[in-house]
């Protein structure tokens, strides 16, 4: 810090007795011209803001009078107040304007007590004031933005927790009534997943970087909101399951919804939609939507917007239970041969056309025939009969059901 002249110190000393007067002038009169300041509580203006002003003026004068004293902890009060203002929702522009205006009022006070011959001292203190301003404004802005970011992160986490509880059926009626989703009547429940080999994957790949994943999810969320013209509460983040969303009001979804979301995600997505009459029906609708998505993928339907009626028979065949477990177990003899299961899945998905199946798998048609023969030999399922085909499809769907994967 440059040496302070005796003239500058003398000029600063004349202001020292006016600290309380300056604090009152700033917190009551000077700041009143700032837009929105008049709406602040009197207690905040008379106590907290006035105390911050006094601290700022004294800090400046101390730097001018005893620069060797150091400034350890000088910014603490500014940072504490900035965090408090952020939590209370004061606009950042109002907070920064009050600090800038406070510096200007202090400069005016220095000019008022200056005497002829103090011009050089005024310039010296102006330099010191401008230097102090950039440090204070920087600390205030940084702390305010950090606090707002932390508050927003906490708000998003709470919102996501409420949404997950609503979708899973674990949200209590009291918390459901207070949930900020605007869902108090009919709605649509969506399941969204990347088109995969029979089981839709999460919208974002856990292997991609955090920034790339967030950008992808943000684009999909924006496309969802624009498609329905409302803010759509959604859980689309990286995980092991497809994304889920709730559309308030149960509007008719656009038929090209899957295409819109696929363009936003940069990959092919499937979307399943199930209506719910109210928030109490959302958990069951969410489970159904996830199953519709899985069954549609397992049946080889082209990626698009799927409804329950599109896969009604297959959905029924995929219901777990005592008989379902026995059906799923029919494929146990080939469970250690994933290439046989993949061939069976592709064979059923492509209408049992051996050449189309071979093209999809990159195999010779004779290889497909040989694999299907081994499946029939090991399992006893006759894949040439309608009954055997239906049994094989049901077994595949049941093996891939969430209940089956959980054991």
Protein backbone atom coordinates (compact mmCIF):
# COMPACT_ATOMS: atom_id res chain seq x y z
CA UNK A 1 0.00 0.00 0.00
CA UNK A 2 1.50 3.45 -0.95
CA UNK A 3 2.55 5.85 1.81
CA UNK A 4 -0.22 8.23 2.94
CA UNK A 5 0.78 11.88 3.16
CA UNK A 6 0.23 13.95 6.28
CA UNK A 7 -2.17 16.19 4.37
CA UNK A 8 -4.35 13.21 3.37
CA UNK A 9 -4.33 11.92 6.94
CA UNK A 10 -5.36 15.31 8.28
CA UNK A 11 -8.22 15.49 5.78
CA UNK A 12 -9.40 11.98 6.71
CA UNK A 13 -9.19 12.86 10.39
CA UNK A 14 -11.68 15.72 9.88
CA UNK A 15 -14.24 13.17 8.62
CA UNK A 16 -13.78 10.79 11.54
CA UNK A 17 -16.19 12.70 13.79
CA UNK A 18 -18.89 12.54 11.09
CA UNK A 19 -19.08 8.73 10.83
CA UNK A 20 -22.47 8.36 12.53
CA UNK A 21 -23.89 11.35 10.63
CA UNK A 22 -22.72 9.85 7.32
CA UNK A 23 -24.23 6.46 8.20
CA UNK A 24 -27.61 8.09 8.88
CA UNK A 25 -27.42 10.19 5.73
CA UNK A 26 -26.62 7.21 3.53
CA UNK A 27 -29.01 4.65 5.02
CA UNK A 28 -31.95 7.09 5.21
CA UNK A 29 -31.54 9.82 2.59
CA UNK A 30 -28.91 8.99 -0.03
CA UNK A 31 -29.98 5.39 -0.64
CA UNK A 32 -33.65 6.42 -0.87
CA UNK A 33 -33.09 7.40 -4.52
CA UNK A 34 -32.19 3.78 -5.39
CA UNK A 35 -35.06 1.86 -7.05
CA UNK A 36 -36.62 -0.59 -4.59
CA UNK A 37 -34.84 0.77 -1.51
CA UNK A 38 -38.05 2.30 -0.14
CA UNK A 39 -39.61 -1.17 0.08
CA UNK A 40 -36.93 -2.46 2.46
CA UNK A 41 -37.93 -2.83 6.15
CA UNK A 42 -37.08 0.14 8.38
CA UNK A 43 -35.22 -2.16 10.78
CA UNK A 44 -32.94 -3.30 7.97
CA UNK A 45 -32.21 0.27 6.90
CA UNK A 46 -31.80 1.77 10.38
CA UNK A 47 -29.83 -1.08 11.98
CA UNK A 48 -28.15 -3.46 9.54
CA UNK A 49 -27.46 -1.17 6.57
CA UNK A 50 -26.46 1.72 8.85
CA UNK A 51 -24.04 -0.57 10.72
CA UNK A 52 -22.52 -1.76 7.44
CA UNK A 53 -22.09 1.85 6.32
CA UNK A 54 -20.38 2.79 9.59
CA UNK A 55 -18.07 -0.19 9.21
CA UNK A 56 -17.22 0.79 5.64
CA UNK A 57 -16.51 4.44 6.48
CA UNK A 58 -14.39 3.53 9.51
CA UNK A 59 -12.52 0.93 7.48
CA UNK A 60 -11.64 3.54 4.86
CA UNK A 61 -10.58 6.10 7.43
CA UNK A 62 -8.49 3.51 9.27
CA UNK A 63 -6.67 2.72 6.01
CA UNK A 64 -5.95 6.44 5.57
CA UNK A 65 -4.96 7.15 9.18
CA UNK A 66 -3.12 3.96 10.17
CA UNK A 67 -2.35 1.94 7.01
CA UNK A 68 0.23 -0.14 8.87
CA UNK A 69 -2.53 -1.65 11.05
CA UNK A 70 -3.51 -4.12 8.34
CA UNK A 71 -6.98 -5.28 7.29
CA UNK A 72 -7.38 -8.82 8.58
CA UNK A 73 -11.08 -9.63 8.70
CA UNK A 74 -12.00 -6.27 7.17
CA UNK A 75 -14.30 -7.86 4.58
CA UNK A 76 -16.05 -10.22 6.99
CA UNK A 77 -19.01 -7.95 7.73
CA UNK A 78 -19.46 -7.09 4.05
CA UNK A 79 -19.51 -10.79 3.18
CA UNK A 80 -21.90 -11.67 6.02
CA UNK A 81 -24.31 -8.91 4.99
CA UNK A 82 -24.08 -9.92 1.31
CA UNK A 83 -24.97 -13.51 2.18
CA UNK A 84 -27.86 -12.28 4.33
CA UNK A 85 -29.18 -10.01 1.57
CA UNK A 86 -28.97 -12.90 -0.92
CA UNK A 87 -30.96 -15.16 1.41
CA UNK A 88 -33.56 -12.42 1.90
CA UNK A 89 -33.91 -11.94 -1.86
CA UNK A 90 -32.58 -8.38 -2.20
CA UNK A 91 -31.67 -7.80 -5.88
CA UNK A 92 -27.94 -7.80 -6.54
CA UNK A 93 -28.14 -4.53 -8.46
CA UNK A 94 -29.63 -2.77 -5.42
CA UNK A 95 -26.93 -4.16 -3.14
CA UNK A 96 -24.08 -3.12 -5.44
CA UNK A 97 -25.62 0.29 -6.14
CA UNK A 98 -25.84 0.97 -2.41
CA UNK A 99 -22.12 0.25 -2.00
CA UNK A 100 -21.20 2.40 -5.02
CA UNK A 101 -23.42 5.25 -3.83
CA UNK A 102 -21.98 4.95 -0.32
CA UNK A 103 -18.49 5.49 -1.75
CA UNK A 104 -19.74 8.56 -3.63
CA UNK A 105 -21.35 10.05 -0.51
CA UNK A 106 -18.10 9.49 1.39
CA UNK A 107 -16.23 11.29 -1.40
CA UNK A 108 -18.69 14.20 -1.09
CA UNK A 109 -18.04 14.34 2.66
CA UNK A 110 -14.29 14.54 2.03
CA UNK A 111 -14.85 17.42 -0.37
CA UNK A 112 -17.08 19.20 2.18
CA UNK A 113 -14.38 19.20 4.89
CA UNK A 114 -11.54 19.98 2.48
CA UNK A 115 -9.86 23.38 2.74
CA UNK A 116 -7.96 25.44 0.20
CA UNK A 117 -4.67 23.73 -0.49
CA UNK A 118 -6.10 20.21 0.13
CA UNK A 119 -6.41 19.45 -3.60
CA UNK A 120 -3.50 16.99 -3.64
CA UNK A 121 -4.80 15.30 -0.49
CA UNK A 122 -8.24 14.93 -2.11
CA UNK A 123 -6.71 13.26 -5.16
CA UNK A 124 -4.73 10.93 -2.90
CA UNK A 125 -7.82 9.92 -0.93
CA UNK A 126 -9.82 9.53 -4.15
CA UNK A 127 -7.22 6.98 -5.33
CA UNK A 128 -7.51 5.17 -2.00
CA UNK A 129 -11.32 5.25 -2.19
CA UNK A 130 -11.43 3.80 -5.71
CA UNK A 131 -8.97 1.07 -4.72
CA UNK A 132 -11.09 0.17 -1.70
CA UNK A 133 -14.28 0.16 -3.78
CA UNK A 134 -13.13 -2.52 -6.19
CA UNK A 135 -12.16 -4.81 -3.30
CA UNK A 136 -15.45 -4.35 -1.43
CA UNK A 137 -17.69 -4.64 -4.50
CA UNK A 138 -15.80 -7.74 -5.61
CA UNK A 139 -16.17 -9.41 -2.21
CA UNK A 140 -19.86 -8.48 -1.97
CA UNK A 141 -20.71 -9.70 -5.49
CA UNK A 142 -18.77 -12.94 -5.05
CA UNK A 143 -20.40 -13.76 -1.72
CA UNK A 144 -23.88 -12.83 -2.93
CA UNK A 145 -23.60 -15.02 -6.04
CA UNK A 146 -22.13 -17.92 -4.07
CA UNK A 147 -25.00 -17.72 -1.58
CA UNK A 148 -27.64 -17.49 -4.33
CA UNK A 149 -26.06 -20.48 -6.07
CA UNK A 150 -26.11 -22.49 -2.84
CA UNK A 151 -29.73 -21.51 -2.18
CA UNK A 152 -30.74 -22.44 -5.73
CA UNK A 153 -28.95 -25.78 -5.46
CA UNK A 154 -30.78 -26.47 -2.19
CA UNK A 155 -34.12 -25.42 -3.74
CA UNK A 156 -33.59 -27.71 -6.74
CA UNK A 157 -32.62 -30.60 -4.46
CA UNK A 158 -35.78 -30.11 -2.36
CA UNK A 159 -37.92 -29.87 -5.48
CA UNK A 160 -36.37 -33.02 -6.93
CA UNK A 161 -36.89 -34.85 -3.63
CA UNK A 162 -40.58 -33.88 -3.63
CA UNK A 163 -40.96 -34.89 -7.28
CA UNK A 164 -39.26 -38.23 -6.68
CA UNK A 165 -41.53 -38.86 -3.69
CA UNK A 166 -44.60 -38.01 -5.77
CA UNK A 167 -43.55 -40.38 -8.56
CA UNK A 168 -42.59 -43.16 -6.17
CA UNK A 169 -45.66 -42.80 -3.95
CA UNK A 170 -43.64 -42.00 -0.83
CA UNK A 171 -44.76 -38.38 -0.47
CA UNK A 172 -47.06 -37.78 2.49
CA UNK A 173 -50.45 -36.10 1.82
CA UNK A 174 -49.36 -33.02 3.77
CA UNK A 175 -46.18 -32.57 1.75
CA UNK A 176 -48.07 -33.39 -1.45
CA UNK A 177 -50.45 -30.50 -0.79
CA UNK A 178 -47.49 -28.15 -0.40
CA UNK A 179 -45.54 -29.45 -3.40
CA UNK A 180 -44.75 -26.64 -5.85
CA UNK A 181 -45.83 -28.45 -9.01
CA UNK A 182 -49.37 -27.19 -9.53
CA UNK A 183 -50.68 -30.74 -9.83
CA UNK A 184 -54.10 -30.88 -8.21
CA UNK A 185 -56.04 -32.54 -11.04
CA UNK A 186 -55.49 -34.58 -14.21
CA UNK A 187 -51.96 -34.86 -15.51
CA UNK A 188 -49.77 -36.92 -17.82
CA UNK A 189 -46.91 -39.07 -16.59
CA UNK A 190 -44.04 -39.64 -19.01
CA UNK A 191 -41.20 -42.13 -19.13
CA UNK A 192 -38.26 -41.15 -21.35
CA UNK A 193 -35.36 -43.41 -22.25
CA UNK A 194 -32.63 -43.89 -24.82
CA UNK A 195 -33.52 -46.63 -27.30
CA UNK A 196 -31.44 -49.68 -26.40
CA UNK A 197 -31.38 -53.44 -26.71
CA UNK A 198 -34.76 -54.16 -25.17
CA UNK A 199 -34.27 -52.01 -22.04
CA UNK A 200 -34.35 -48.18 -22.40
CA UNK A 201 -31.36 -46.46 -20.85
CA UNK A 202 -31.09 -43.14 -18.94
CA UNK A 203 -31.32 -39.99 -21.04
CA UNK A 204 -27.72 -39.04 -20.17
CA UNK A 205 -24.85 -41.50 -20.43
CA UNK A 206 -23.09 -41.93 -17.04
CA UNK A 207 -19.84 -42.20 -19.03
CA UNK A 208 -20.01 -38.73 -20.54
CA UNK A 209 -18.57 -35.71 -18.76
CA UNK A 210 -20.57 -33.73 -16.22
CA UNK A 211 -20.79 -30.62 -18.39
CA UNK A 212 -21.87 -32.56 -21.49
CA UNK A 213 -24.46 -34.51 -19.49
CA UNK A 214 -25.92 -31.35 -17.93
CA UNK A 215 -26.12 -29.63 -21.31
CA UNK A 216 -27.91 -32.64 -22.80
CA UNK A 217 -30.41 -32.82 -19.94
CA UNK A 218 -31.03 -29.07 -20.07
CA UNK A 219 -31.80 -29.28 -23.80
CA UNK A 220 -34.23 -32.14 -23.26
CA UNK A 221 -35.90 -30.27 -20.38
CA UNK A 222 -36.29 -27.18 -22.57
CA UNK A 223 -37.77 -29.26 -25.39
CA UNK A 224 -40.24 -30.80 -22.92
CA UNK A 225 -41.33 -27.39 -21.64
CA UNK A 226 -41.74 -25.99 -25.15
CA UNK A 227 -43.67 -29.04 -26.34
CA UNK A 228 -46.35 -28.59 -23.70
CA UNK A 229 -46.16 -24.83 -23.20
CA UNK A 230 -45.66 -25.20 -19.43
CA UNK A 231 -42.84 -25.95 -17.03
CA UNK A 232 -42.73 -29.75 -16.88
CA UNK A 233 -41.42 -31.18 -13.57
CA UNK A 234 -38.97 -33.89 -14.63
CA UNK A 235 -36.28 -36.22 -13.33
CA UNK A 236 -34.00 -36.76 -16.30
CA UNK A 237 -30.61 -36.99 -14.64
CA UNK A 238 -27.94 -39.65 -14.95
CA UNK A 239 -28.82 -42.92 -13.26
CA UNK A 240 -29.78 -46.46 -13.96
CA UNK A 241 -33.39 -45.85 -14.98
CA UNK A 242 -35.10 -43.85 -17.74
CA UNK A 243 -36.25 -40.33 -16.96
CA UNK A 244 -39.72 -39.47 -15.64
CA UNK A 245 -41.85 -36.35 -15.92
CA UNK A 246 -45.30 -35.04 -14.98
CA UNK A 247 -47.28 -32.68 -17.21
CA UNK A 248 -49.96 -30.74 -15.27
CA UNK A 249 -53.38 -30.46 -16.86
CA UNK A 250 -53.15 -33.63 -18.99
CA UNK A 251 -52.79 -31.85 -22.35
CA UNK A 252 -52.73 -33.93 -25.51
CA UNK A 253 -49.07 -34.70 -26.19
CA UNK A 254 -47.71 -33.88 -29.65
CA UNK A 255 -47.33 -37.04 -31.70
CA UNK A 256 -43.78 -36.06 -32.62
CA UNK A 257 -42.77 -35.63 -28.97
CA UNK A 258 -40.19 -38.43 -29.15
CA UNK A 259 -38.64 -36.84 -32.25
CA UNK A 260 -38.47 -33.43 -30.57
CA UNK A 261 -36.76 -34.83 -27.50
CA UNK A 262 -34.44 -36.98 -29.61
CA UNK A 263 -33.24 -33.91 -31.52
CA UNK A 264 -32.60 -32.12 -28.24
CA UNK A 265 -30.73 -35.10 -26.77
CA UNK A 266 -28.73 -35.87 -29.90
CA UNK A 267 -29.75 -39.53 -29.67
CA UNK A 268 -32.86 -41.65 -30.30
CA UNK A 269 -35.34 -41.52 -27.43
CA UNK A 270 -38.52 -43.42 -26.67
CA UNK A 271 -41.35 -41.79 -24.75
CA UNK A 272 -44.25 -43.50 -22.98
CA UNK A 273 -47.26 -41.54 -21.75
CA UNK A 274 -49.90 -42.61 -19.21
CA UNK A 275 -52.69 -40.31 -17.94
CA UNK A 276 -53.46 -39.87 -14.23
CA UNK A 277 -56.69 -38.41 -12.84
CA UNK A 278 -54.91 -36.75 -9.93
CA UNK A 279 -51.68 -36.72 -7.91
CA UNK A 280 -52.73 -39.83 -5.96
CA UNK A 281 -52.67 -41.83 -9.22
CA UNK A 282 -49.23 -40.56 -10.30
CA UNK A 283 -47.13 -43.38 -8.73
CA UNK A 284 -49.10 -46.13 -10.51
CA UNK A 285 -49.08 -44.17 -13.75
CA UNK A 286 -45.30 -43.73 -13.42
CA UNK A 287 -44.80 -47.47 -12.97
CA UNK A 288 -47.05 -48.20 -15.92
CA UNK A 289 -45.25 -45.69 -18.14
CA UNK A 290 -41.91 -47.28 -17.31
CA UNK A 291 -43.29 -50.72 -18.16
CA UNK A 292 -44.83 -49.49 -21.42
CA UNK A 293 -41.45 -48.05 -22.38
CA UNK A 294 -39.69 -51.32 -21.60
CA UNK A 295 -42.25 -53.52 -23.30
CA UNK A 296 -42.31 -51.36 -26.44
CA UNK A 297 -38.53 -51.60 -26.69
CA UNK A 298 -38.57 -55.34 -25.98
CA UNK A 299 -41.17 -55.91 -28.69
CA UNK A 300 -39.11 -54.07 -31.25
CA UNK A 301 -41.59 -51.24 -31.85
CA UNK A 302 -39.99 -48.24 -33.59
CA UNK A 303 -38.96 -45.49 -31.15
CA UNK A 304 -41.85 -43.03 -30.84
CA UNK A 305 -44.55 -41.89 -28.44
CA UNK A 306 -46.00 -45.07 -26.90
CA UNK A 307 -49.31 -45.54 -25.09
CA UNK A 308 -50.54 -48.55 -23.14
CA UNK A 309 -52.96 -49.52 -25.91
CA UNK A 310 -50.00 -49.85 -28.29
CA UNK A 311 -48.59 -52.77 -26.27
CA UNK A 312 -51.63 -53.98 -24.38
CA UNK A 313 -51.20 -57.71 -25.11
CA UNK A 314 -47.44 -57.68 -24.55
CA UNK A 315 -47.93 -55.66 -21.37
CA UNK A 316 -50.32 -58.29 -20.07
CA UNK A 317 -47.90 -61.08 -20.97
CA UNK A 318 -45.08 -59.36 -19.10
CA UNK A 319 -46.89 -59.21 -15.72
CA UNK A 320 -44.79 -60.89 -13.03
CA UNK A 321 -46.19 -63.36 -10.53
CA UNK A 322 -45.91 -67.05 -9.75
CA UNK A 323 -46.75 -68.12 -13.30
CA UNK A 324 -44.66 -65.27 -14.69
CA UNK A 325 -41.57 -66.51 -12.87
CA UNK A 326 -42.10 -69.97 -14.33
CA UNK A 327 -42.42 -68.53 -17.83
CA UNK A 328 -39.27 -66.43 -17.40
CA UNK A 329 -37.41 -69.53 -16.18
CA UNK A 330 -38.02 -71.23 -19.55
CA UNK A 331 -35.06 -69.25 -20.90
CA UNK A 332 -32.74 -70.20 -18.03
CA UNK A 333 -31.03 -72.89 -20.19
CA UNK A 334 -29.68 -70.14 -22.47
CA UNK A 335 -29.06 -67.51 -19.78
CA UNK A 336 -25.30 -68.15 -20.07
CA UNK A 337 -25.39 -67.50 -23.81
CA UNK A 338 -26.12 -63.79 -24.31
CA UNK A 339 -25.68 -64.10 -28.08
CA UNK A 340 -28.57 -66.57 -28.19
CA UNK A 341 -30.81 -64.23 -26.16
CA UNK A 342 -29.83 -61.31 -28.41
CA UNK A 343 -30.68 -63.35 -31.47
CA UNK A 344 -34.05 -64.36 -30.03
CA UNK A 345 -34.82 -60.76 -29.12
CA UNK A 346 -33.91 -59.51 -32.60
CA UNK A 347 -35.81 -62.37 -34.26
CA UNK A 348 -39.01 -61.48 -32.42
CA UNK A 349 -38.49 -57.73 -32.88
CA UNK A 350 -38.14 -58.13 -36.66
CA UNK A 351 -41.26 -60.18 -37.25
CA UNK A 352 -39.39 -63.50 -37.28
CA UNK A 353 -37.81 -62.66 -40.63
CA UNK A 354 -34.47 -64.46 -40.70
CA UNK A 355 -32.84 -62.16 -43.27
CA UNK A 356 -33.92 -58.95 -41.54
CA UNK A 357 -32.75 -60.40 -38.22
CA UNK A 358 -29.41 -61.41 -39.76
CA UNK A 359 -28.96 -57.90 -41.21
CA UNK A 360 -29.72 -56.25 -37.89
CA UNK A 361 -27.17 -58.47 -36.10
CA UNK A 362 -24.56 -58.45 -38.86
CA UNK A 363 -24.80 -62.24 -39.26
CA UNK A 364 -25.41 -64.72 -42.07
CA UNK A 365 -29.03 -65.98 -42.17
CA UNK A 366 -27.78 -69.54 -41.64
CA UNK A 367 -26.12 -68.41 -38.38
CA UNK A 368 -29.48 -67.05 -37.23
CA UNK A 369 -31.13 -70.37 -38.07
CA UNK A 370 -28.48 -72.30 -36.15
CA UNK A 371 -28.85 -70.10 -33.07
CA UNK A 372 -32.63 -70.38 -33.09
CA UNK A 373 -32.31 -74.16 -33.38
CA UNK A 374 -30.02 -74.23 -30.34
CA UNK A 375 -32.53 -72.13 -28.38
CA UNK A 376 -35.33 -74.52 -29.27
CA UNK A 377 -33.18 -77.50 -28.38
CA UNK A 378 -32.13 -76.12 -24.98
CA UNK A 379 -35.47 -74.63 -23.92
CA UNK A 380 -38.01 -76.86 -25.63
CA UNK A 381 -39.82 -73.78 -27.02
CA UNK A 382 -41.11 -74.28 -30.54
CA UNK A 383 -40.29 -70.98 -32.22
CA UNK A 384 -42.10 -72.02 -35.42
CA UNK A 385 -45.53 -72.06 -33.77
CA UNK A 386 -47.64 -69.03 -32.70
CA UNK A 387 -47.89 -70.45 -29.17
CA UNK A 388 -44.12 -70.93 -28.92
CA UNK A 389 -43.47 -67.44 -30.29
CA UNK A 390 -45.84 -65.88 -27.73
CA UNK A 391 -44.21 -67.92 -24.94
CA UNK A 392 -40.71 -66.81 -25.97
CA UNK A 393 -41.80 -63.17 -26.12
CA UNK A 394 -43.44 -63.36 -22.68
CA UNK A 395 -40.33 -65.04 -21.24
CA UNK A 396 -38.07 -62.30 -22.61
CA UNK A 397 -40.29 -59.51 -21.32
CA UNK A 398 -40.60 -61.10 -17.90
CA UNK A 399 -36.84 -61.64 -17.60
CA UNK A 400 -36.30 -57.94 -18.30
CA UNK A 401 -39.02 -56.73 -15.92
CA UNK A 402 -37.72 -54.62 -12.99
CA UNK A 403 -39.04 -57.16 -10.50
CA UNK A 404 -37.04 -59.91 -12.20
CA UNK A 405 -33.85 -57.84 -12.16
CA UNK A 406 -34.31 -57.21 -8.46
CA UNK A 407 -34.44 -60.94 -7.88
